[in-house]
C-alpha atoms as a PDB file:
ATOM      1  CA  UNK A   1    -116.886 -63.793 240.114  1.00  0.00           C
ATOM      2  CA  UNK A   2    -115.321 -60.485 239.101  1.00  0.00           C
ATOM      3  CA  UNK A   3    -116.540 -58.854 235.908  1.00  0.00           C
ATOM      4  CA  UNK A   4    -113.406 -59.349 233.777  1.00  0.00           C
ATOM      5  CA  UNK A   5    -113.035 -63.003 234.745  1.00  0.00           C
ATOM      6  CA  UNK A   6    -116.734 -63.563 234.074  1.00  0.00           C
ATOM      7  CA  UNK A   7    -116.625 -61.954 230.634  1.00  0.00           C
ATOM      8  CA  UNK A   8    -113.474 -63.893 229.710  1.00  0.00           C
ATOM      9  CA  UNK A   9    -115.035 -67.162 230.852  1.00  0.00           C
ATOM     10  CA  UNK A  10    -118.301 -66.417 229.045  1.00  0.00           C
ATOM     11  CA  UNK A  11    -116.457 -65.554 225.834  1.00  0.00           C
ATOM     12  CA  UNK A  12    -114.397 -68.752 226.063  1.00  0.00           C
ATOM     13  CA  UNK A  13    -117.461 -70.943 226.633  1.00  0.00           C
ATOM     14  CA  UNK A  14    -119.292 -69.383 223.686  1.00  0.00           C
ATOM     15  CA  UNK A  15    -116.253 -69.816 221.419  1.00  0.00           C
ATOM     16  CA  UNK A  16    -116.088 -73.498 222.412  1.00  0.00           C
ATOM     17  CA  UNK A  17    -119.844 -73.769 221.784  1.00  0.00           C
ATOM     18  CA  UNK A  18    -120.435 -74.894 225.375  1.00  0.00           C
ATOM     19  CA  UNK A  19    -123.812 -73.186 225.572  1.00  0.00           C
ATOM     20  CA  UNK A  20    -125.079 -74.943 228.704  1.00  0.00           C
ATOM     21  CA  UNK A  21    -122.035 -73.712 230.609  1.00  0.00           C
ATOM     22  CA  UNK A  22    -122.209 -70.280 228.942  1.00  0.00           C
ATOM     23  CA  UNK A  23    -125.822 -69.808 230.052  1.00  0.00           C
ATOM     24  CA  UNK A  24    -124.846 -70.687 233.621  1.00  0.00           C
ATOM     25  CA  UNK A  25    -121.943 -68.208 233.579  1.00  0.00           C
ATOM     26  CA  UNK A  26    -124.188 -65.502 232.094  1.00  0.00           C
ATOM     27  CA  UNK A  27    -126.763 -66.077 234.830  1.00  0.00           C
ATOM     28  CA  UNK A  28    -124.088 -65.938 237.546  1.00  0.00           C
ATOM     29  CA  UNK A  29    -122.810 -62.669 236.070  1.00  0.00           C
ATOM     30  CA  UNK A  30    -126.288 -61.176 236.298  1.00  0.00           C
ATOM     31  CA  UNK A  31    -126.566 -60.477 232.583  1.00  0.00           C
ATOM     32  CA  UNK A  32    -129.954 -59.331 231.257  1.00  0.00           C
ATOM     33  CA  UNK A  33    -132.592 -62.054 231.046  1.00  0.00           C
ATOM     34  CA  UNK A  34    -132.766 -61.754 227.240  1.00  0.00           C
ATOM     35  CA  UNK A  35    -129.049 -62.613 226.891  1.00  0.00           C
ATOM     36  CA  UNK A  36    -129.373 -65.536 229.290  1.00  0.00           C
ATOM     37  CA  UNK A  37    -132.468 -66.777 227.427  1.00  0.00           C
ATOM     38  CA  UNK A  38    -130.635 -66.580 224.094  1.00  0.00           C
ATOM     39  CA  UNK A  39    -127.832 -68.771 225.453  1.00  0.00           C
ATOM     40  CA  UNK A  40    -130.372 -71.177 226.965  1.00  0.00           C
ATOM     41  CA  UNK A  41    -132.104 -71.489 223.593  1.00  0.00           C
ATOM     42  CA  UNK A  42    -128.760 -72.257 221.949  1.00  0.00           C
ATOM     43  CA  UNK A  43    -128.040 -74.862 224.635  1.00  0.00           C
ATOM     44  CA  UNK A  44    -131.430 -76.483 224.108  1.00  0.00           C
ATOM     45  CA  UNK A  45    -131.009 -76.438 220.331  1.00  0.00           C
ATOM     46  CA  UNK A  46    -127.549 -77.931 220.574  1.00  0.00           C
ATOM     47  CA  UNK A  47    -128.706 -80.673 222.943  1.00  0.00           C
ATOM     48  CA  UNK A  48    -131.487 -81.701 220.574  1.00  0.00           C
ATOM     49  CA  UNK A  49    -130.362 -80.852 217.031  1.00  0.00           C
ATOM     50  CA  UNK A  50    -126.667 -81.654 217.371  1.00  0.00           C
ATOM     51  CA  UNK A  51    -126.680 -84.360 220.057  1.00  0.00           C
ATOM     52  CA  UNK A  52    -130.254 -85.705 219.593  1.00  0.00           C
ATOM     53  CA  UNK A  53    -130.421 -86.223 223.341  1.00  0.00           C
ATOM     54  CA  UNK A  54    -134.080 -86.350 224.401  1.00  0.00           C
ATOM     55  CA  UNK A  55    -133.355 -86.795 228.108  1.00  0.00           C
ATOM     56  CA  UNK A  56    -130.815 -83.970 228.107  1.00  0.00           C
ATOM     57  CA  UNK A  57    -133.201 -81.713 226.205  1.00  0.00           C
ATOM     58  CA  UNK A  58    -135.975 -82.477 228.680  1.00  0.00           C
ATOM     59  CA  UNK A  59    -133.702 -81.850 231.669  1.00  0.00           C
ATOM     60  CA  UNK A  60    -132.594 -78.475 230.278  1.00  0.00           C
ATOM     61  CA  UNK A  61    -136.185 -77.510 229.446  1.00  0.00           C
ATOM     62  CA  UNK A  62    -137.189 -78.251 233.048  1.00  0.00           C
ATOM     63  CA  UNK A  63    -134.222 -76.359 234.490  1.00  0.00           C
ATOM     64  CA  UNK A  64    -134.865 -73.361 232.262  1.00  0.00           C
ATOM     65  CA  UNK A  65    -138.623 -73.385 232.852  1.00  0.00           C
ATOM     66  CA  UNK A  66    -139.569 -73.877 229.193  1.00  0.00           C
ATOM     67  CA  UNK A  67    -142.961 -75.364 228.326  1.00  0.00           C
ATOM     68  CA  UNK A  68    -143.448 -78.034 225.671  1.00  0.00           C
ATOM     69  CA  UNK A  69    -144.754 -75.402 223.243  1.00  0.00           C
ATOM     70  CA  UNK A  70    -141.781 -73.105 223.895  1.00  0.00           C
ATOM     71  CA  UNK A  71    -139.399 -76.015 223.301  1.00  0.00           C
ATOM     72  CA  UNK A  72    -141.134 -76.806 220.010  1.00  0.00           C
ATOM     73  CA  UNK A  73    -140.723 -73.190 218.855  1.00  0.00           C
ATOM     74  CA  UNK A  74    -137.090 -73.016 220.006  1.00  0.00           C
ATOM     75  CA  UNK A  75    -136.207 -76.237 218.181  1.00  0.00           C
ATOM     76  CA  UNK A  76    -137.954 -75.116 214.992  1.00  0.00           C
ATOM     77  CA  UNK A  77    -136.131 -71.773 215.071  1.00  0.00           C
ATOM     78  CA  UNK A  78    -132.764 -73.414 215.786  1.00  0.00           C
ATOM     79  CA  UNK A  79    -133.215 -75.911 212.922  1.00  0.00           C
ATOM     80  CA  UNK A  80    -134.371 -73.174 210.524  1.00  0.00           C
ATOM     81  CA  UNK A  81    -131.354 -71.064 211.419  1.00  0.00           C
ATOM     82  CA  UNK A  82    -129.004 -73.978 210.740  1.00  0.00           C
ATOM     83  CA  UNK A  83    -130.704 -74.656 207.423  1.00  0.00           C
ATOM     84  CA  UNK A  84    -130.502 -70.982 206.407  1.00  0.00           C
ATOM     85  CA  UNK A  85    -126.785 -71.000 207.246  1.00  0.00           C
ATOM     86  CA  UNK A  86    -126.333 -74.047 204.998  1.00  0.00           C
ATOM     87  CA  UNK A  87    -125.505 -76.332 207.915  1.00  0.00           C
ATOM     88  CA  UNK A  88    -127.798 -79.222 206.987  1.00  0.00           C
ATOM     89  CA  UNK A  89    -125.672 -82.122 208.260  1.00  0.00           C
ATOM     90  CA  UNK A  90    -127.173 -82.185 211.798  1.00  0.00           C
ATOM     91  CA  UNK A  91    -130.676 -82.131 210.296  1.00  0.00           C
ATOM     92  CA  UNK A  92    -130.109 -85.231 208.178  1.00  0.00           C
ATOM     93  CA  UNK A  93    -131.280 -88.665 209.301  1.00  0.00           C
ATOM     94  CA  UNK A  94    -129.244 -90.365 211.999  1.00  0.00           C
ATOM     95  CA  UNK A  95    -129.822 -93.400 214.161  1.00  0.00           C
ATOM     96  CA  UNK A  96    -132.158 -93.001 217.119  1.00  0.00           C
ATOM     97  CA  UNK A  97    -131.626 -95.650 219.777  1.00  0.00           C
ATOM     98  CA  UNK A  98    -135.114 -95.280 221.277  1.00  0.00           C
ATOM     99  CA  UNK A  99    -136.898 -96.091 218.005  1.00  0.00           C
ATOM    100  CA  UNK A 100    -134.235 -98.205 216.310  1.00  0.00           C
ATOM    101  CA  UNK A 101    -134.699 -96.114 213.152  1.00  0.00           C
ATOM    102  CA  UNK A 102    -132.871 -93.442 211.221  1.00  0.00           C
ATOM    103  CA  UNK A 103    -134.758 -90.187 211.738  1.00  0.00           C
ATOM    104  CA  UNK A 104    -134.355 -86.731 210.243  1.00  0.00           C
ATOM    105  CA  UNK A 105    -134.283 -83.998 212.834  1.00  0.00           C
ATOM    106  CA  UNK A 106    -137.894 -83.111 212.045  1.00  0.00           C
ATOM    107  CA  UNK A 107    -138.970 -86.717 212.610  1.00  0.00           C
ATOM    108  CA  UNK A 108    -136.866 -86.906 215.784  1.00  0.00           C
ATOM    109  CA  UNK A 109    -138.388 -83.665 217.094  1.00  0.00           C
ATOM    110  CA  UNK A 110    -141.931 -84.874 216.426  1.00  0.00           C
ATOM    111  CA  UNK A 111    -141.187 -88.181 218.176  1.00  0.00           C
ATOM    112  CA  UNK A 112    -139.552 -86.363 221.094  1.00  0.00           C
ATOM    113  CA  UNK A 113    -142.549 -84.067 221.548  1.00  0.00           C
ATOM    114  CA  UNK A 114    -144.918 -87.076 221.471  1.00  0.00           C
ATOM    115  CA  UNK A 115    -143.040 -88.753 224.316  1.00  0.00           C
ATOM    116  CA  UNK A 116    -142.416 -85.501 226.245  1.00  0.00           C
ATOM    117  CA  UNK A 117    -144.487 -86.569 229.260  1.00  0.00           C
ATOM    118  CA  UNK A 118    -143.002 -90.074 229.364  1.00  0.00           C
ATOM    119  CA  UNK A 119    -139.387 -88.929 229.621  1.00  0.00           C
ATOM    120  CA  UNK A 120    -138.074 -89.178 233.150  1.00  0.00           C
ATOM    121  CA  UNK A 121    -135.139 -87.080 234.207  1.00  0.00           C
END
């Protein structure tokens, strides 16, 4: 991938908030590890906070090499950032199919971390 095409593609993916794809493009471009990690954290946050997808979050964590403790910190930071920006909607209770209950993001995160080892990807 040539540099201009890569930067254009990366910019487009970030603008569309496709952070999983953006992190892959950044890695392929050979960007510094810190930039790739930042995009991976956004992808992980999006998968859990926005989509509430435990299996997807677990799969990304495995692919990115994040430990359970790192995931917990990333999710807390992502949620705090959203709250500080006044974007509370994704943090409000929504239906969780695995529990059959409406859970706030904090409750969902705690449940997700409890079942971390039981999730198969």
